[in-house]
C-alpha atoms as a PDB file:
ATOM      1  CA  UNK A   1     118.149 -33.466 153.221  1.00  0.00           C
ATOM      2  CA  UNK A   2     117.106 -32.021 156.774  1.00  0.00           C
ATOM      3  CA  UNK A   3     113.542 -30.628 157.098  1.00  0.00           C
ATOM      4  CA  UNK A   4     112.791 -27.147 158.374  1.00  0.00           C
ATOM      5  CA  UNK A   5     111.959 -28.264 161.692  1.00  0.00           C
ATOM      6  CA  UNK A   6     115.446 -30.525 161.925  1.00  0.00           C
ATOM      7  CA  UNK A   7     117.231 -27.026 161.470  1.00  0.00           C
ATOM      8  CA  UNK A   8     115.392 -25.262 164.597  1.00  0.00           C
ATOM      9  CA  UNK A   9     116.142 -29.020 166.526  1.00  0.00           C
ATOM     10  CA  UNK A  10     119.603 -28.943 165.591  1.00  0.00           C
ATOM     11  CA  UNK A  11     119.806 -25.280 167.148  1.00  0.00           C
ATOM     12  CA  UNK A  12     118.194 -26.388 170.064  1.00  0.00           C
ATOM     13  CA  UNK A  13     120.062 -29.531 170.952  1.00  0.00           C
ATOM     14  CA  UNK A  14     123.609 -27.347 170.406  1.00  0.00           C
ATOM     15  CA  UNK A  15     121.904 -24.678 172.811  1.00  0.00           C
ATOM     16  CA  UNK A  16     121.218 -27.438 175.475  1.00  0.00           C
ATOM     17  CA  UNK A  17     125.089 -28.563 175.167  1.00  0.00           C
ATOM     18  CA  UNK A  18     125.057 -30.993 173.298  1.00  0.00           C
ATOM     19  CA  UNK A  19     127.281 -32.823 170.609  1.00  0.00           C
ATOM     20  CA  UNK A  20     127.142 -32.729 166.995  1.00  0.00           C
ATOM     21  CA  UNK A  21     127.809 -36.383 167.115  1.00  0.00           C
ATOM     22  CA  UNK A  22     125.293 -36.711 169.055  1.00  0.00           C
ATOM     23  CA  UNK A  23     123.158 -34.469 167.533  1.00  0.00           C
ATOM     24  CA  UNK A  24     123.830 -36.571 164.203  1.00  0.00           C
ATOM     25  CA  UNK A  25     122.964 -39.447 166.008  1.00  0.00           C
ATOM     26  CA  UNK A  26     119.852 -38.586 167.320  1.00  0.00           C
ATOM     27  CA  UNK A  27     118.682 -37.312 163.692  1.00  0.00           C
ATOM     28  CA  UNK A  28     119.846 -40.330 161.675  1.00  0.00           C
ATOM     29  CA  UNK A  29     122.395 -38.098 159.242  1.00  0.00           C
ATOM     30  CA  UNK A  30     126.032 -37.721 159.307  1.00  0.00           C
ATOM     31  CA  UNK A  31     127.894 -35.411 161.577  1.00  0.00           C
ATOM     32  CA  UNK A  32     128.987 -33.291 158.746  1.00  0.00           C
ATOM     33  CA  UNK A  33     125.252 -32.325 157.738  1.00  0.00           C
ATOM     34  CA  UNK A  34     124.575 -31.140 161.171  1.00  0.00           C
ATOM     35  CA  UNK A  35     128.076 -29.163 160.908  1.00  0.00           C
ATOM     36  CA  UNK A  36     126.970 -27.661 157.901  1.00  0.00           C
ATOM     37  CA  UNK A  37     123.292 -26.469 159.029  1.00  0.00           C
ATOM     38  CA  UNK A  38     125.395 -24.785 162.032  1.00  0.00           C
ATOM     39  CA  UNK A  39     127.049 -23.180 160.144  1.00  0.00           C
ATOM     40  CA  UNK A  40     124.767 -21.825 157.981  1.00  0.00           C
ATOM     41  CA  UNK A  41     122.874 -19.996 160.625  1.00  0.00           C
ATOM     42  CA  UNK A  42     119.254 -20.924 159.547  1.00  0.00           C
ATOM     43  CA  UNK A  43     116.872 -23.104 158.035  1.00  0.00           C
ATOM     44  CA  UNK A  44     116.842 -23.188 154.215  1.00  0.00           C
ATOM     45  CA  UNK A  45     114.652 -21.279 152.046  1.00  0.00           C
ATOM     46  CA  UNK A  46     111.588 -22.501 149.884  1.00  0.00           C
ATOM     47  CA  UNK A  47     112.999 -24.394 147.332  1.00  0.00           C
ATOM     48  CA  UNK A  48     112.430 -22.382 143.730  1.00  0.00           C
ATOM     49  CA  UNK A  49     109.389 -23.004 141.571  1.00  0.00           C
ATOM     50  CA  UNK A  50     110.199 -24.880 138.657  1.00  0.00           C
ATOM     51  CA  UNK A  51     110.434 -22.868 135.148  1.00  0.00           C
ATOM     52  CA  UNK A  52     108.569 -24.089 131.906  1.00  0.00           C
ATOM     53  CA  UNK A  53     110.489 -24.458 128.885  1.00  0.00           C
ATOM     54  CA  UNK A  54     109.230 -23.086 125.729  1.00  0.00           C
ATOM     55  CA  UNK A  55     108.966 -24.989 123.023  1.00  0.00           C
ATOM     56  CA  UNK A  56     110.327 -22.865 120.151  1.00  0.00           C
ATOM     57  CA  UNK A  57     107.577 -24.031 117.397  1.00  0.00           C
ATOM     58  CA  UNK A  58     105.090 -22.107 119.484  1.00  0.00           C
ATOM     59  CA  UNK A  59     106.243 -18.687 118.211  1.00  0.00           C
END
């Protein structure tokens, strides 16, 4: 999974004219991962907080 910083690096490298496969090689990820990051258009939002399950026996 890419970190938030990786998304900014991908956008910066692409703006400099690097190919998707070269960016992927530099980051050590699959080219499809880079392509999807570019299609998304930005860094992912933070993860959702985990919900705590309620035990039915407490009621």
